[in-house]
C-alpha atoms as a PDB file:
ATOM      1  CA  MET A   1       7.825  -9.179  14.526  1.00  0.00           C
ATOM      2  CA  SER A   2       4.052  -8.076  13.909  1.00  0.00           C
ATOM      3  CA  GLN A   3       1.950 -10.512  11.822  1.00  0.00           C
ATOM      4  CA  LYS A   4      -0.847  -7.842  12.179  1.00  0.00           C
ATOM      5  CA  ALA A   5       1.275  -5.096  10.872  1.00  0.00           C
ATOM      6  CA  VAL A   6       1.937  -7.363   7.921  1.00  0.00           C
ATOM      7  CA  GLU A   7      -1.693  -8.095   7.336  1.00  0.00           C
ATOM      8  CA  ILE A   8      -2.531  -4.202   7.594  1.00  0.00           C
ATOM      9  CA  VAL A   9       0.102  -3.711   4.859  1.00  0.00           C
ATOM     10  CA  LEU A  10      -1.375  -6.618   2.705  1.00  0.00           C
ATOM     11  CA  GLY A  11      -4.720  -5.340   3.402  1.00  0.00           C
ATOM     12  CA  ARG A  12      -3.808  -1.644   2.424  1.00  0.00           C
ATOM     13  CA  LEU A  13      -1.831  -2.852  -0.967  1.00  0.00           C
ATOM     14  CA  ALA A  14      -4.884  -4.798  -1.581  1.00  0.00           C
ATOM     15  CA  SER A  15      -7.500  -2.359  -1.046  1.00  0.00           C
ATOM     16  CA  ASP A  16      -6.222   1.362  -1.354  1.00  0.00           C
ATOM     17  CA  GLU A  17      -5.120   2.267  -4.880  1.00  0.00           C
ATOM     18  CA  ALA A  18      -3.219   5.223  -3.684  1.00  0.00           C
ATOM     19  CA  THR A  19      -0.994   3.056  -1.377  1.00  0.00           C
ATOM     20  CA  ARG A  20      -0.744   0.620  -4.203  1.00  0.00           C
ATOM     21  CA  ARG A  21       0.714   3.400  -6.993  1.00  0.00           C
ATOM     22  CA  ARG A  22       3.340   4.416  -4.238  1.00  0.00           C
ATOM     23  CA  PHE A  23       4.448   1.018  -3.696  1.00  0.00           C
ATOM     24  CA  ARG A  24       4.782   0.498  -7.084  1.00  0.00           C
ATOM     25  CA  GLU A  25       6.870   3.372  -7.737  1.00  0.00           C
ATOM     26  CA  ALA A  26       8.919   3.118  -4.462  1.00  0.00           C
ATOM     27  CA  PRO A  27       8.423   0.230  -2.101  1.00  0.00           C
ATOM     28  CA  ALA A  28      10.863   1.132   0.591  1.00  0.00           C
ATOM     29  CA  ALA A  29       9.654   4.574   0.879  1.00  0.00           C
ATOM     30  CA  THR A  30       5.922   3.591   1.051  1.00  0.00           C
ATOM     31  CA  LEU A  31       6.508   1.155   3.707  1.00  0.00           C
ATOM     32  CA  ALA A  32       8.834   4.011   5.555  1.00  0.00           C
ATOM     33  CA  GLU A  33       5.401   6.248   5.282  1.00  0.00           C
ATOM     34  CA  LEU A  34       3.422   3.447   6.909  1.00  0.00           C
ATOM     35  CA  VAL A  35       6.022   2.873   9.741  1.00  0.00           C
ATOM     36  CA  ALA A  36       5.914   6.565  10.258  1.00  0.00           C
ATOM     37  CA  LEU A  37       2.310   6.190  10.843  1.00  0.00           C
ATOM     38  CA  GLY A  38       2.575   3.670  13.819  1.00  0.00           C
ATOM     39  CA  LEU A  39       3.063   0.182  11.826  1.00  0.00           C
ATOM     40  CA  GLU A  40       5.735  -1.779  13.647  1.00  0.00           C
ATOM     41  CA  LEU A  41       7.678  -3.960  11.104  1.00  0.00           C
ATOM     42  CA  SER A  42      10.891  -5.540  11.574  1.00  0.00           C
ATOM     43  CA  ALA A  43      13.934  -5.425   9.047  1.00  0.00           C
ATOM     44  CA  VAL A  44      13.082  -9.124   7.727  1.00  0.00           C
ATOM     45  CA  GLU A  45       9.293  -8.005   7.285  1.00  0.00           C
ATOM     46  CA  ARG A  46      10.060  -4.988   5.652  1.00  0.00           C
ATOM     47  CA  ALA A  47      12.634  -6.746   3.039  1.00  0.00           C
ATOM     48  CA  ALA A  48       9.851  -9.305   2.397  1.00  0.00           C
ATOM     49  CA  LEU A  49       7.306  -6.956   1.656  1.00  0.00           C
ATOM     50  CA  GLU A  50       9.610  -4.609  -0.642  1.00  0.00           C
ATOM     51  CA  SER A  51      10.301  -7.869  -2.313  1.00  0.00           C
ATOM     52  CA  LEU A  52       6.867  -8.269  -3.452  1.00  0.00           C
ATOM     53  CA  ASP A  53       5.844  -8.223  -7.339  1.00  0.00           C
ATOM     54  CA  ALA A  54       4.050  -5.165  -8.225  1.00  0.00           C
ATOM     55  CA  ALA A  55       2.455  -6.799 -10.928  1.00  0.00           C
ATOM     56  CA  ALA A  56       0.989 -10.051  -8.614  1.00  0.00           C
ATOM     57  CA  VAL A  57      -0.110  -7.596  -6.049  1.00  0.00           C
ATOM     58  CA  GLU A  58      -2.149  -5.405  -8.712  1.00  0.00           C
ATOM     59  CA  ARG A  59      -3.599  -8.889 -10.239  1.00  0.00           C
ATOM     60  CA  PHE A  60      -4.766  -9.494  -6.346  1.00  0.00           C
ATOM     61  CA  ALA A  61      -6.168  -6.142  -6.127  1.00  0.00           C
ATOM     62  CA  GLN A  62      -8.298  -6.506  -9.081  1.00  0.00           C
ATOM     63  CA  ALA A  63      -9.741  -9.407  -7.774  1.00  0.00           C
ATOM     64  CA  VAL A  64     -10.980  -7.893  -4.671  1.00  0.00           C
ATOM     65  CA  ASP A  65     -14.482  -7.095  -4.636  1.00  0.00           C
ATOM     66  CA  SER A  66     -14.702  -3.247  -5.956  1.00  0.00           C
ATOM     67  CA  ARG A  67     -16.833  -2.547  -2.806  1.00  0.00           C
ATOM     68  CA  LEU A  68     -13.522  -3.237  -0.499  1.00  0.00           C
ATOM     69  CA  GLN A  69     -11.602  -1.227  -2.490  1.00  0.00           C
ATOM     70  CA  ARG A  70     -10.646   2.405  -1.715  1.00  0.00           C
ATOM     71  CA  ALA A  71     -10.702   4.697  -4.902  1.00  0.00           C
ATOM     72  CA  GLU A  72      -7.902   7.223  -5.587  1.00  0.00           C
ATOM     73  CA  LEU A  73      -9.098  10.616  -6.878  1.00  0.00           C
ATOM     74  CA  VAL A  74      -7.043  12.079  -9.585  1.00  0.00           C
ATOM     75  CA  ALA A  75      -6.977  15.656 -10.385  1.00  0.00           C
ATOM     76  CA  GLN A  76      -7.562  16.823 -14.103  1.00  0.00           C
ATOM     77  CA  GLY A  77      -3.693  17.176 -14.508  1.00  0.00           C
ATOM     78  CA  GLY A  78      -3.147  13.492 -13.469  1.00  0.00           C
ATOM     79  CA  SER A  79      -1.806  14.315  -9.734  1.00  0.00           C
ATOM     80  CA  ALA A  80      -3.121  12.082  -6.905  1.00  0.00           C
ATOM     81  CA  SER A  81      -5.234  13.703  -4.311  1.00  0.00           C
ATOM     82  CA  ALA A  82      -3.572  15.622  -1.418  1.00  0.00           C
ATOM     83  CA  GLY A  83      -4.901  12.900   1.275  1.00  0.00           C
ATOM     84  CA  ASP A  84      -3.635   9.785  -0.596  1.00  0.00           C
ATOM     85  CA  ALA A  85      -0.883   9.247   2.107  1.00  0.00           C
ATOM     86  CA  LYS A  86      -3.058   9.196   5.310  1.00  0.00           C
ATOM     87  CA  ALA A  87      -3.391   5.891   6.930  1.00  0.00           C
ATOM     88  CA  SER A  88      -6.894   4.057   7.641  1.00  0.00           C
END
């Protein structure tokens, strides 16, 4: 298990609007993306993260100072920017 990887995921969910949107729509797929980018999460950690209440994550993110937030740029048609899957 990697506590650091869990903290990174939680930080991304709290500060990255695009990651939060993808997680809300498909938690398992979002975590798989992050693992593919190099984060090491055990099956137990992935299951625990997948079970997070998306509404609670959103409420927490709203409480984080906007200067620490990463905004998602959305085209006029409503689709997210092409770079929103990149790791930071």
